[in-house]
Amino acid sequence: MLDPFSRQELAKLFARLHQELGLTIIQVTHLLEEAIYAQRIVVMEQGRVIEEGTPAQIFSDLERLRVLKLIIPDPLSLVSRLRQAGFPIAAQAVTNEEIAREIANA
């Protein structure tokens, strides 16, 4: 298991390999904070696909993810509470950078 800094560095490496070399990267993880940087997410349970889509699609229903016993990243929980309070945060804002940009623009 990697520490948070090493996981972040590995994610940057994957992104660079994809952008510069056009490689397709398949990453298997149980950490949703890593999955938010993917282009496509497949959620599986007992070997079956139960959800599939972009990060914005998957993270649009946090309650469904909680029912699946997945741990919601703190920034996405915050965004959910901000939206409930009336902040206009775009649905596609799922990464820390996107969320910060939306909050700054609100």
PDB file of N, CA and C in Angstrom:
ATOM      1  N   MET A   1       0.843  -1.169   0.000  1.00  0.00           N
ATOM      2  CA  MET A   1       0.000   0.000   0.000  1.00  0.00           C
ATOM      3  C   MET A   1       0.898   1.245   0.000  1.00  0.00           C
ATOM      4  N   LEU A   2       0.521   2.218  -0.771  1.00  0.00           N
ATOM      5  CA  LEU A   2       1.309   3.443  -0.891  1.00  0.00           C
ATOM      6  C   LEU A   2       0.806   4.527   0.054  1.00  0.00           C
ATOM      7  N   ASP A   3       1.716   5.396   0.450  1.00  0.00           N
ATOM      8  CA  ASP A   3       1.326   6.549   1.248  1.00  0.00           C
ATOM      9  C   ASP A   3       0.637   7.559   0.323  1.00  0.00           C
ATOM     10  N   PRO A   4      -0.079   8.542   0.895  1.00  0.00           N
ATOM     11  CA  PRO A   4      -0.826   9.493   0.066  1.00  0.00           C
ATOM     12  C   PRO A   4       0.032  10.237  -0.957  1.00  0.00           C
ATOM     13  N   PHE A   5       1.234  10.662  -0.579  1.00  0.00           N
ATOM     14  CA  PHE A   5       2.096  11.379  -1.516  1.00  0.00           C
ATOM     15  C   PHE A   5       2.475  10.487  -2.699  1.00  0.00           C
ATOM     16  N   SER A   6       2.846   9.238  -2.416  1.00  0.00           N
ATOM     17  CA  SER A   6       3.237   8.313  -3.490  1.00  0.00           C
ATOM     18  C   SER A   6       2.060   7.995  -4.402  1.00  0.00           C
ATOM     19  N   ARG A   7       0.853   7.871  -3.824  1.00  0.00           N
ATOM     20  CA  ARG A   7      -0.338   7.635  -4.654  1.00  0.00           C
ATOM     21  C   ARG A   7      -0.571   8.811  -5.589  1.00  0.00           C
ATOM     22  N   GLN A   8      -0.389  10.025  -5.080  1.00  0.00           N
ATOM     23  CA  GLN A   8      -0.575  11.225  -5.899  1.00  0.00           C
ATOM     24  C   GLN A   8       0.470  11.280  -7.010  1.00  0.00           C
ATOM     25  N   GLU A   9       1.695  10.949  -6.706  1.00  0.00           N
ATOM     26  CA  GLU A   9       2.753  10.944  -7.715  1.00  0.00           C
ATOM     27  C   GLU A   9       2.489   9.881  -8.782  1.00  0.00           C
ATOM     28  N   LEU A  10       1.997   8.729  -8.377  1.00  0.00           N
ATOM     29  CA  LEU A  10       1.668   7.674  -9.326  1.00  0.00           C
ATOM     30  C   LEU A  10       0.521   8.113 -10.235  1.00  0.00           C
ATOM     31  N   ALA A  11      -0.471   8.802  -9.678  1.00  0.00           N
ATOM     32  CA  ALA A  11      -1.589   9.315 -10.484  1.00  0.00           C
ATOM     33  C   ALA A  11      -1.087  10.323 -11.512  1.00  0.00           C
ATOM     34  N   LYS A  12      -0.145  11.172 -11.117  1.00  0.00           N
ATOM     35  CA  LYS A  12       0.433  12.138 -12.061  1.00  0.00           C
ATOM     36  C   LYS A  12       1.187  11.411 -13.173  1.00  0.00           C
ATOM     37  N   LEU A  13       1.913  10.365 -12.820  1.00  0.00           N
ATOM     38  CA  LEU A  13       2.632   9.579 -13.819  1.00  0.00           C
ATOM     39  C   LEU A  13       1.656   8.947 -14.804  1.00  0.00           C
ATOM     40  N   PHE A  14       0.574   8.359 -14.288  1.00  0.00           N
ATOM     41  CA  PHE A  14      -0.431   7.756 -15.171  1.00  0.00           C
ATOM     42  C   PHE A  14      -1.006   8.792 -16.123  1.00  0.00           C
ATOM     43  N   ALA A  15      -1.327   9.972 -15.607  1.00  0.00           N
ATOM     44  CA  ALA A  15      -1.878  11.039 -16.448  1.00  0.00           C
ATOM     45  C   ALA A  15      -0.890  11.455 -17.520  1.00  0.00           C
ATOM     46  N   ARG A  16       0.368  11.573 -17.148  1.00  0.00           N
ATOM     47  CA  ARG A  16       1.391  11.968 -18.121  1.00  0.00           C
ATOM     48  C   ARG A  16       1.576  10.895 -19.195  1.00  0.00           C
ATOM     49  N   LEU A  17       1.589   9.625 -18.814  1.00  0.00           N
ATOM     50  CA  LEU A  17       1.708   8.541 -19.791  1.00  0.00           C
ATOM     51  C   LEU A  17       0.531   8.542 -20.756  1.00  0.00           C
ATOM     52  N   HIS A  18      -0.644   8.833 -20.232  1.00  0.00           N
ATOM     53  CA  HIS A  18      -1.830   8.888 -21.082  1.00  0.00           C
ATOM     54  C   HIS A  18      -1.759  10.068 -22.048  1.00  0.00           C
ATOM     55  N   GLN A  19      -1.398  11.243 -21.534  1.00  0.00           N
ATOM     56  CA  GLN A  19      -1.360  12.451 -22.361  1.00  0.00           C
ATOM     57  C   GLN A  19      -0.232  12.407 -23.387  1.00  0.00           C
ATOM     58  N   GLU A  20       0.961  12.031 -22.963  1.00  0.00           N
ATOM     59  CA  GLU A  20       2.126  12.114 -23.838  1.00  0.00           C
ATOM     60  C   GLU A  20       2.257  10.932 -24.786  1.00  0.00           C
ATOM     61  N   LEU A  21       1.867   9.741 -24.327  1.00  0.00           N
ATOM     62  CA  LEU A  21       2.054   8.551 -25.152  1.00  0.00           C
ATOM     63  C   LEU A  21       0.743   7.935 -25.642  1.00  0.00           C
ATOM     64  N   GLY A  22      -0.362   8.474 -25.167  1.00  0.00           N
ATOM     65  CA  GLY A  22      -1.654   7.946 -25.588  1.00  0.00           C
ATOM     66  C   GLY A  22      -1.964   6.574 -25.024  1.00  0.00           C
ATOM     67  N   LEU A  23      -1.298   6.204 -23.932  1.00  0.00           N
ATOM     68  CA  LEU A  23      -1.513   4.888 -23.346  1.00  0.00           C
ATOM     69  C   LEU A  23      -2.840   4.834 -22.595  1.00  0.00           C
ATOM     70  N   THR A  24      -3.476   3.698 -22.649  1.00  0.00           N
ATOM     71  CA  THR A  24      -4.654   3.449 -21.840  1.00  0.00           C
ATOM     72  C   THR A  24      -4.188   2.841 -20.527  1.00  0.00           C
ATOM     73  N   ILE A  25      -4.620   3.414 -19.430  1.00  0.00           N
ATOM     74  CA  ILE A  25      -4.230   2.948 -18.110  1.00  0.00           C
ATOM     75  C   ILE A  25      -5.459   2.368 -17.431  1.00  0.00           C
ATOM     76  N   ILE A  26      -5.350   1.139 -16.978  1.00  0.00           N
ATOM     77  CA  ILE A  26      -6.423   0.516 -16.204  1.00  0.00           C
ATOM     78  C   ILE A  26      -5.906   0.386 -14.780  1.00  0.00           C
ATOM     79  N   GLN A  27      -6.598   1.029 -13.864  1.00  0.00           N
ATOM     80  CA  GLN A  27      -6.177   1.021 -12.468  1.00  0.00           C
ATOM     81  C   GLN A  27      -7.289   0.412 -11.628  1.00  0.00           C
ATOM     82  N   VAL A  28      -6.932  -0.518 -10.788  1.00  0.00           N
ATOM     83  CA  VAL A  28      -7.884  -1.129  -9.882  1.00  0.00           C
ATOM     84  C   VAL A  28      -7.614  -0.553  -8.502  1.00  0.00           C
ATOM     85  N   THR A  29      -8.648   0.026  -7.890  1.00  0.00           N
ATOM     86  CA  THR A  29      -8.480   0.641  -6.582  1.00  0.00           C
ATOM     87  C   THR A  29      -9.784   0.589  -5.805  1.00  0.00           C
ATOM     88  N   HIS A  30      -9.680   0.625  -4.507  1.00  0.00           N
ATOM     89  CA  HIS A  30     -10.861   0.764  -3.663  1.00  0.00           C
ATOM     90  C   HIS A  30     -10.946   2.180  -3.096  1.00  0.00           C
ATOM     91  N   LEU A  31      -9.996   3.036  -3.475  1.00  0.00           N
ATOM     92  CA  LEU A  31      -9.947   4.409  -2.990  1.00  0.00           C
ATOM     93  C   LEU A  31     -10.626   5.342  -3.990  1.00  0.00           C
ATOM     94  N   LEU A  32     -11.780   5.851  -3.625  1.00  0.00           N
ATOM     95  CA  LEU A  32     -12.528   6.699  -4.548  1.00  0.00           C
ATOM     96  C   LEU A  32     -11.810   8.007  -4.847  1.00  0.00           C
ATOM     97  N   GLU A  33     -10.956   8.479  -3.916  1.00  0.00           N
ATOM     98  CA  GLU A  33     -10.221   9.712  -4.198  1.00  0.00           C
ATOM     99  C   GLU A  33      -9.236   9.525  -5.354  1.00  0.00           C
ATOM    100  N   GLU A  34      -8.853   8.299  -5.653  1.00  0.00           N
ATOM    101  CA  GLU A  34      -8.038   8.028  -6.843  1.00  0.00           C
ATOM    102  C   GLU A  34      -8.910   7.932  -8.084  1.00  0.00           C
ATOM    103  N   ALA A  35     -10.083   7.370  -7.926  1.00  0.00           N
ATOM    104  CA  ALA A  35     -10.976   7.144  -9.063  1.00  0.00           C
ATOM    105  C   ALA A  35     -11.498   8.434  -9.671  1.00  0.00           C
ATOM    106  N   ILE A  36     -11.540   9.525  -8.897  1.00  0.00           N
ATOM    107  CA  ILE A  36     -12.087  10.767  -9.441  1.00  0.00           C
ATOM    108  C   ILE A  36     -11.266  11.309 -10.599  1.00  0.00           C
ATOM    109  N   TYR A  37     -10.009  10.874 -10.739  1.00  0.00           N
ATOM    110  CA  TYR A  37      -9.160  11.359 -11.828  1.00  0.00           C
ATOM    111  C   TYR A  37      -9.276  10.507 -13.087  1.00  0.00           C
ATOM    112  N   ALA A  38     -10.068   9.460 -13.035  1.00  0.00           N
ATOM    113  CA  ALA A  38     -10.233   8.579 -14.195  1.00  0.00           C
ATOM    114  C   ALA A  38     -11.146   9.211 -15.234  1.00  0.00           C
ATOM    115  N   GLN A  39     -11.033   8.739 -16.460  1.00  0.00           N
ATOM    116  CA  GLN A  39     -11.971   9.171 -17.488  1.00  0.00           C
ATOM    117  C   GLN A  39     -13.262   8.359 -17.392  1.00  0.00           C
ATOM    118  N   ARG A  40     -13.131   7.131 -16.933  1.00  0.00           N
ATOM    119  CA  ARG A  40     -14.281   6.237 -16.819  1.00  0.00           C
ATOM    120  C   ARG A  40     -14.092   5.380 -15.577  1.00  0.00           C
ATOM    121  N   ILE A  41     -15.190   5.168 -14.842  1.00  0.00           N
ATOM    122  CA  ILE A  41     -15.154   4.365 -13.626  1.00  0.00           C
ATOM    123  C   ILE A  41     -16.116   3.195 -13.787  1.00  0.00           C
ATOM    124  N   VAL A  42     -15.667   2.038 -13.350  1.00  0.00           N
ATOM    125  CA  VAL A  42     -16.516   0.850 -13.299  1.00  0.00           C
ATOM    126  C   VAL A  42     -16.540   0.392 -11.843  1.00  0.00           C
ATOM    127  N   VAL A  43     -17.725   0.367 -11.243  1.00  0.00           N
ATOM    128  CA  VAL A  43     -17.881  -0.088  -9.864  1.00  0.00           C
ATOM    129  C   VAL A  43     -18.368  -1.521  -9.919  1.00  0.00           C
ATOM    130  N   MET A  44     -17.648  -2.387  -9.203  1.00  0.00           N
ATOM    131  CA  MET A  44     -18.006  -3.804  -9.212  1.00  0.00           C
ATOM    132  C   MET A  44     -18.309  -4.272  -7.799  1.00  0.00           C
ATOM    133  N   GLU A  45     -19.181  -5.272  -7.736  1.00  0.00           N
ATOM    134  CA  GLU A  45     -19.502  -5.908  -6.466  1.00  0.00           C
ATOM    135  C   GLU A  45     -19.626  -7.398  -6.721  1.00  0.00           C
ATOM    136  N   GLN A  46     -18.830  -8.168  -6.020  1.00  0.00           N
ATOM    137  CA  GLN A  46     -18.812  -9.624  -6.162  1.00  0.00           C
ATOM    138  C   GLN A  46     -18.667 -10.053  -7.622  1.00  0.00           C
ATOM    139  N   GLY A  47     -17.764  -9.358  -8.338  1.00  0.00           N
ATOM    140  CA  GLY A  47     -17.462  -9.723  -9.715  1.00  0.00           C
ATOM    141  C   GLY A  47     -18.447  -9.218 -10.754  1.00  0.00           C
ATOM    142  N   ARG A  48     -19.455  -8.454 -10.330  1.00  0.00           N
ATOM    143  CA  ARG A  48     -20.447  -7.926 -11.272  1.00  0.00           C
ATOM    144  C   ARG A  48     -20.314  -6.417 -11.383  1.00  0.00           C
ATOM    145  N   VAL A  49     -20.494  -5.914 -12.600  1.00  0.00           N
ATOM    146  CA  VAL A  49     -20.520  -4.464 -12.809  1.00  0.00           C
ATOM    147  C   VAL A  49     -21.867  -3.955 -12.324  1.00  0.00           C
ATOM    148  N   ILE A  50     -21.825  -2.983 -11.390  1.00  0.00           N
ATOM    149  CA  ILE A  50     -23.084  -2.441 -10.873  1.00  0.00           C
ATOM    150  C   ILE A  50     -23.253  -0.961 -11.186  1.00  0.00           C
ATOM    151  N   GLU A  51     -22.168  -0.276 -11.524  1.00  0.00           N
ATOM    152  CA  GLU A  51     -22.201   1.125 -11.943  1.00  0.00           C
ATOM    153  C   GLU A  51     -21.088   1.337 -12.947  1.00  0.00           C
ATOM    154  N   GLU A  52     -21.347   2.203 -13.934  1.00  0.00           N
ATOM    155  CA  GLU A  52     -20.328   2.521 -14.920  1.00  0.00           C
ATOM    156  C   GLU A  52     -20.611   3.913 -15.471  1.00  0.00           C
ATOM    157  N   GLY A  53     -19.554   4.712 -15.593  1.00  0.00           N
ATOM    158  CA  GLY A  53     -19.736   6.039 -16.163  1.00  0.00           C
ATOM    159  C   GLY A  53     -18.549   6.940 -15.882  1.00  0.00           C
ATOM    160  N   THR A  54     -18.712   8.205 -16.206  1.00  0.00           N
ATOM    161  CA  THR A  54     -17.671   9.190 -15.933  1.00  0.00           C
ATOM    162  C   THR A  54     -17.661   9.466 -14.425  1.00  0.00           C
ATOM    163  N   PRO A  55     -16.585  10.070 -13.918  1.00  0.00           N
ATOM    164  CA  PRO A  55     -16.597  10.422 -12.496  1.00  0.00           C
ATOM    165  C   PRO A  55     -17.794  11.301 -12.123  1.00  0.00           C
ATOM    166  N   ALA A  56     -18.139  12.267 -12.959  1.00  0.00           N
ATOM    167  CA  ALA A  56     -19.289  13.122 -12.659  1.00  0.00           C
ATOM    168  C   ALA A  56     -20.569  12.298 -12.555  1.00  0.00           C
ATOM    169  N   GLN A  57     -20.737  11.311 -13.422  1.00  0.00           N
ATOM    170  CA  GLN A  57     -21.935  10.468 -13.368  1.00  0.00           C
ATOM    171  C   GLN A  57     -21.941   9.594 -12.114  1.00  0.00           C
ATOM    172  N   ILE A  58     -20.821   8.969 -11.836  1.00  0.00           N
ATOM    173  CA  ILE A  58     -20.737   8.065 -10.686  1.00  0.00           C
ATOM    174  C   ILE A  58     -20.936   8.821  -9.383  1.00  0.00           C
ATOM    175  N   PHE A  59     -20.309   9.998  -9.274  1.00  0.00           N
ATOM    176  CA  PHE A  59     -20.370  10.747  -8.025  1.00  0.00           C
ATOM    177  C   PHE A  59     -21.588  11.669  -7.930  1.00  0.00           C
ATOM    178  N   SER A  60     -22.501  11.578  -8.884  1.00  0.00           N
ATOM    179  CA  SER A  60     -23.709  12.402  -8.823  1.00  0.00           C
ATOM    180  C   SER A  60     -24.701  11.858  -7.793  1.00  0.00           C
ATOM    181  N   ASP A  61     -24.553  10.595  -7.403  1.00  0.00           N
ATOM    182  CA  ASP A  61     -25.456   9.977  -6.432  1.00  0.00           C
ATOM    183  C   ASP A  61     -24.630   9.405  -5.281  1.00  0.00           C
ATOM    184  N   LEU A  62     -24.243  10.285  -4.359  1.00  0.00           N
ATOM    185  CA  LEU A  62     -23.405   9.849  -3.240  1.00  0.00           C
ATOM    186  C   LEU A  62     -24.137   8.866  -2.335  1.00  0.00           C
ATOM    187  N   GLU A  63     -25.441   9.011  -2.230  1.00  0.00           N
ATOM    188  CA  GLU A  63     -26.201   8.088  -1.378  1.00  0.00           C
ATOM    189  C   GLU A  63     -26.105   6.664  -1.912  1.00  0.00           C
ATOM    190  N   ARG A  64     -26.154   6.518  -3.229  1.00  0.00           N
ATOM    191  CA  ARG A  64     -26.007   5.183  -3.840  1.00  0.00           C
ATOM    192  C   ARG A  64     -24.642   4.601  -3.508  1.00  0.00           C
ATOM    193  N   LEU A  65     -23.600   5.427  -3.539  1.00  0.00           N
ATOM    194  CA  LEU A  65     -22.261   4.945  -3.202  1.00  0.00           C
ATOM    195  C   LEU A  65     -22.174   4.550  -1.738  1.00  0.00           C
ATOM    196  N   ARG A  66     -22.859   5.293  -0.873  1.00  0.00           N
ATOM    197  CA  ARG A  66     -22.879   4.936   0.558  1.00  0.00           C
ATOM    198  C   ARG A  66     -23.581   3.596   0.769  1.00  0.00           C
ATOM    199  N   VAL A  67     -24.671   3.372   0.037  1.00  0.00           N
ATOM    200  CA  VAL A  67     -25.387   2.096   0.131  1.00  0.00           C
ATOM    201  C   VAL A  67     -24.462   0.945  -0.275  1.00  0.00           C
ATOM    202  N   LEU A  68     -23.591   1.214  -1.228  1.00  0.00           N
ATOM    203  CA  LEU A  68     -22.619   0.204  -1.672  1.00  0.00           C
ATOM    204  C   LEU A  68     -21.441   0.080  -0.706  1.00  0.00           C
ATOM    205  N   LYS A  69     -21.500   0.843   0.387  1.00  0.00           N
ATOM    206  CA  LYS A  69     -20.479   0.843   1.442  1.00  0.00           C
ATOM    207  C   LYS A  69     -19.130   1.362   0.951  1.00  0.00           C
ATOM    208  N   LEU A  70     -19.190   2.329   0.033  1.00  0.00           N
ATOM    209  CA  LEU A  70     -17.974   2.981  -0.443  1.00  0.00           C
ATOM    210  C   LEU A  70     -17.765   4.258   0.353  1.00  0.00           C
ATOM    211  N   ILE A  71     -16.526   4.572   0.647  1.00  0.00           N
ATOM    212  CA  ILE A  71     -16.198   5.749   1.440  1.00  0.00           C
ATOM    213  C   ILE A  71     -16.093   6.951   0.512  1.00  0.00           C
ATOM    214  N   ILE A  72     -16.936   7.944   0.760  1.00  0.00           N
ATOM    215  CA  ILE A  72     -16.992   9.141  -0.073  1.00  0.00           C
ATOM    216  C   ILE A  72     -15.827  10.054   0.294  1.00  0.00           C
ATOM    217  N   PRO A  73     -15.045  10.503  -0.690  1.00  0.00           N
ATOM    218  CA  PRO A  73     -13.963  11.444  -0.383  1.00  0.00           C
ATOM    219  C   PRO A  73     -14.513  12.719   0.261  1.00  0.00           C
ATOM    220  N   ASP A  74     -13.777  13.259   1.232  1.00  0.00           N
ATOM    221  CA  ASP A  74     -14.219  14.449   1.960  1.00  0.00           C
ATOM    222  C   ASP A  74     -14.594  15.615   1.046  1.00  0.00           C
ATOM    223  N   PRO A  75     -13.798  15.921   0.003  1.00  0.00           N
ATOM    224  CA  PRO A  75     -14.189  17.058  -0.858  1.00  0.00           C
ATOM    225  C   PRO A  75     -15.558  16.869  -1.506  1.00  0.00           C
ATOM    226  N   LEU A  76     -15.903  15.634  -1.858  1.00  0.00           N
ATOM    227  CA  LEU A  76     -17.212  15.397  -2.482  1.00  0.00           C
ATOM    228  C   LEU A  76     -18.338  15.497  -1.461  1.00  0.00           C
ATOM    229  N   SER A  77     -18.080  15.099  -0.219  1.00  0.00           N
ATOM    230  CA  SER A  77     -19.076  15.285   0.834  1.00  0.00           C
ATOM    231  C   SER A  77     -19.314  16.770   1.070  1.00  0.00           C
ATOM    232  N   LEU A  78     -18.231  17.543   1.071  1.00  0.00           N
ATOM    233  CA  LEU A  78     -18.352  18.991   1.234  1.00  0.00           C
ATOM    234  C   LEU A  78     -19.169  19.595   0.099  1.00  0.00           C
ATOM    235  N   VAL A  79     -18.883  19.204  -1.129  1.00  0.00           N
ATOM    236  CA  VAL A  79     -19.616  19.721  -2.290  1.00  0.00           C
ATOM    237  C   VAL A  79     -21.103  19.395  -2.168  1.00  0.00           C
ATOM    238  N   SER A  80     -21.410  18.204  -1.720  1.00  0.00           N
ATOM    239  CA  SER A  80     -22.812  17.816  -1.551  1.00  0.00           C
ATOM    240  C   SER A  80     -23.505  18.736  -0.560  1.00  0.00           C
ATOM    241  N   ARG A  81     -22.852  19.010   0.557  1.00  0.00           N
ATOM    242  CA  ARG A  81     -23.439  19.903   1.561  1.00  0.00           C
ATOM    243  C   ARG A  81     -23.553  21.334   1.024  1.00  0.00           C
ATOM    244  N   LEU A  82     -22.554  21.792   0.271  1.00  0.00           N
ATOM    245  CA  LEU A  82     -22.610  23.137  -0.303  1.00  0.00           C
ATOM    246  C   LEU A  82     -23.753  23.261  -1.307  1.00  0.00           C
ATOM    247  N   ARG A  83     -23.940  22.246  -2.133  1.00  0.00           N
ATOM    248  CA  ARG A  83     -25.052  22.270  -3.094  1.00  0.00           C
ATOM    249  C   ARG A  83     -26.390  22.331  -2.363  1.00  0.00           C
ATOM    250  N   GLN A  84     -26.522  21.556  -1.282  1.00  0.00           N
ATOM    251  CA  GLN A  84     -27.764  21.564  -0.504  1.00  0.00           C
ATOM    252  C   GLN A  84     -28.018  22.938   0.105  1.00  0.00           C
ATOM    253  N   ALA A  85     -26.923  23.673   0.399  1.00  0.00           N
ATOM    254  CA  ALA A  85     -27.044  25.017   0.969  1.00  0.00           C
ATOM    255  C   ALA A  85     -27.265  26.079  -0.099  1.00  0.00           C
ATOM    256  N   GLY A  86     -27.279  25.663  -1.372  1.00  0.00           N
ATOM    257  CA  GLY A  86     -27.578  26.597  -2.441  1.00  0.00           C
ATOM    258  C   GLY A  86     -26.396  27.100  -3.250  1.00  0.00           C
ATOM    259  N   PHE A  87     -25.193  26.596  -2.974  1.00  0.00           N
ATOM    260  CA  PHE A  87     -24.034  27.005  -3.775  1.00  0.00           C
ATOM    261  C   PHE A  87     -24.129  26.373  -5.161  1.00  0.00           C
ATOM    262  N   PRO A  88     -23.935  27.163  -6.208  1.00  0.00           N
ATOM    263  CA  PRO A  88     -24.041  26.638  -7.578  1.00  0.00           C
ATOM    264  C   PRO A  88     -22.736  25.978  -8.031  1.00  0.00           C
ATOM    265  N   ILE A  89     -22.498  24.757  -7.579  1.00  0.00           N
ATOM    266  CA  ILE A  89     -21.277  24.035  -7.947  1.00  0.00           C
ATOM    267  C   ILE A  89     -21.638  23.039  -9.043  1.00  0.00           C
ATOM    268  N   ALA A  90     -20.919  23.125 -10.162  1.00  0.00           N
ATOM    269  CA  ALA A  90     -21.207  22.288 -11.335  1.00  0.00           C
ATOM    270  C   ALA A  90     -21.092  20.804 -10.999  1.00  0.00           C
ATOM    271  N   ALA A  91     -21.957  20.016 -11.618  1.00  0.00           N
ATOM    272  CA  ALA A  91     -21.977  18.571 -11.378  1.00  0.00           C
ATOM    273  C   ALA A  91     -20.680  17.894 -11.791  1.00  0.00           C
ATOM    274  N   GLN A  92     -19.999  18.449 -12.793  1.00  0.00           N
ATOM    275  CA  GLN A  92     -18.773  17.812 -13.268  1.00  0.00           C
ATOM    276  C   GLN A  92     -17.568  18.132 -12.392  1.00  0.00           C
ATOM    277  N   ALA A  93     -17.725  18.989 -11.383  1.00  0.00           N
ATOM    278  CA  ALA A  93     -16.622  19.330 -10.485  1.00  0.00           C
ATOM    279  C   ALA A  93     -16.452  18.209  -9.462  1.00  0.00           C
ATOM    280  N   VAL A  94     -15.458  17.356  -9.693  1.00  0.00           N
ATOM    281  CA  VAL A  94     -15.223  16.240  -8.777  1.00  0.00           C
ATOM    282  C   VAL A  94     -13.793  16.207  -8.231  1.00  0.00           C
ATOM    283  N   THR A  95     -12.837  16.767  -8.957  1.00  0.00           N
ATOM    284  CA  THR A  95     -11.466  16.778  -8.450  1.00  0.00           C
ATOM    285  C   THR A  95     -11.304  17.963  -7.496  1.00  0.00           C
ATOM    286  N   ASN A  96     -10.292  17.893  -6.656  1.00  0.00           N
ATOM    287  CA  ASN A  96     -10.035  18.996  -5.719  1.00  0.00           C
ATOM    288  C   ASN A  96      -9.862  20.313  -6.462  1.00  0.00           C
ATOM    289  N   GLU A  97      -9.157  20.284  -7.580  1.00  0.00           N
ATOM    290  CA  GLU A  97      -8.900  21.492  -8.355  1.00  0.00           C
ATOM    291  C   GLU A  97     -10.197  22.070  -8.925  1.00  0.00           C
ATOM    292  N   GLU A  98     -11.043  21.211  -9.474  1.00  0.00           N
ATOM    293  CA  GLU A  98     -12.330  21.655 -10.036  1.00  0.00           C
ATOM    294  C   GLU A  98     -13.235  22.215  -8.945  1.00  0.00           C
ATOM    295  N   ILE A  99     -13.258  21.553  -7.800  1.00  0.00           N
ATOM    296  CA  ILE A  99     -14.085  22.002  -6.692  1.00  0.00           C
ATOM    297  C   ILE A  99     -13.621  23.358  -6.198  1.00  0.00           C
ATOM    298  N   ALA A 100     -12.307  23.515  -6.029  1.00  0.00           N
ATOM    299  CA  ALA A 100     -11.760  24.786  -5.562  1.00  0.00           C
ATOM    300  C   ALA A 100     -12.094  25.918  -6.536  1.00  0.00           C
ATOM    301  N   ARG A 101     -12.006  25.641  -7.834  1.00  0.00           N
ATOM    302  CA  ARG A 101     -12.319  26.635  -8.849  1.00  0.00           C
ATOM    303  C   ARG A 101     -13.792  27.042  -8.764  1.00  0.00           C
ATOM    304  N   GLU A 102     -14.664  26.065  -8.569  1.00  0.00           N
ATOM    305  CA  GLU A 102     -16.107  26.347  -8.470  1.00  0.00           C
ATOM    306  C   GLU A 102     -16.415  27.177  -7.229  1.00  0.00           C
ATOM    307  N   ILE A 103     -15.787  26.853  -6.114  1.00  0.00           N
ATOM    308  CA  ILE A 103     -16.019  27.599  -4.872  1.00  0.00           C
ATOM    309  C   ILE A 103     -15.515  29.041  -5.049  1.00  0.00           C
ATOM    310  N   ALA A 104     -14.353  29.193  -5.664  1.00  0.00           N
ATOM    311  CA  ALA A 104     -13.788  30.537  -5.872  1.00  0.00           C
ATOM    312  C   ALA A 104     -14.684  31.370  -6.778  1.00  0.00           C
ATOM    313  N   ASN A 105     -15.333  30.748  -7.734  1.00  0.00           N
ATOM    314  CA  ASN A 105     -16.193  31.470  -8.681  1.00  0.00           C
ATOM    315  C   ASN A 105     -17.594  31.732  -8.131  1.00  0.00           C
ATOM    316  N   ALA A 106     -17.952  31.048  -7.038  1.00  0.00           N
ATOM    317  CA  ALA A 106     -19.322  31.188  -6.489  1.00  0.00           C
ATOM    318  C   ALA A 106     -19.522  32.503  -5.777  1.00  0.00           C
TER     319      ALA A 106
END
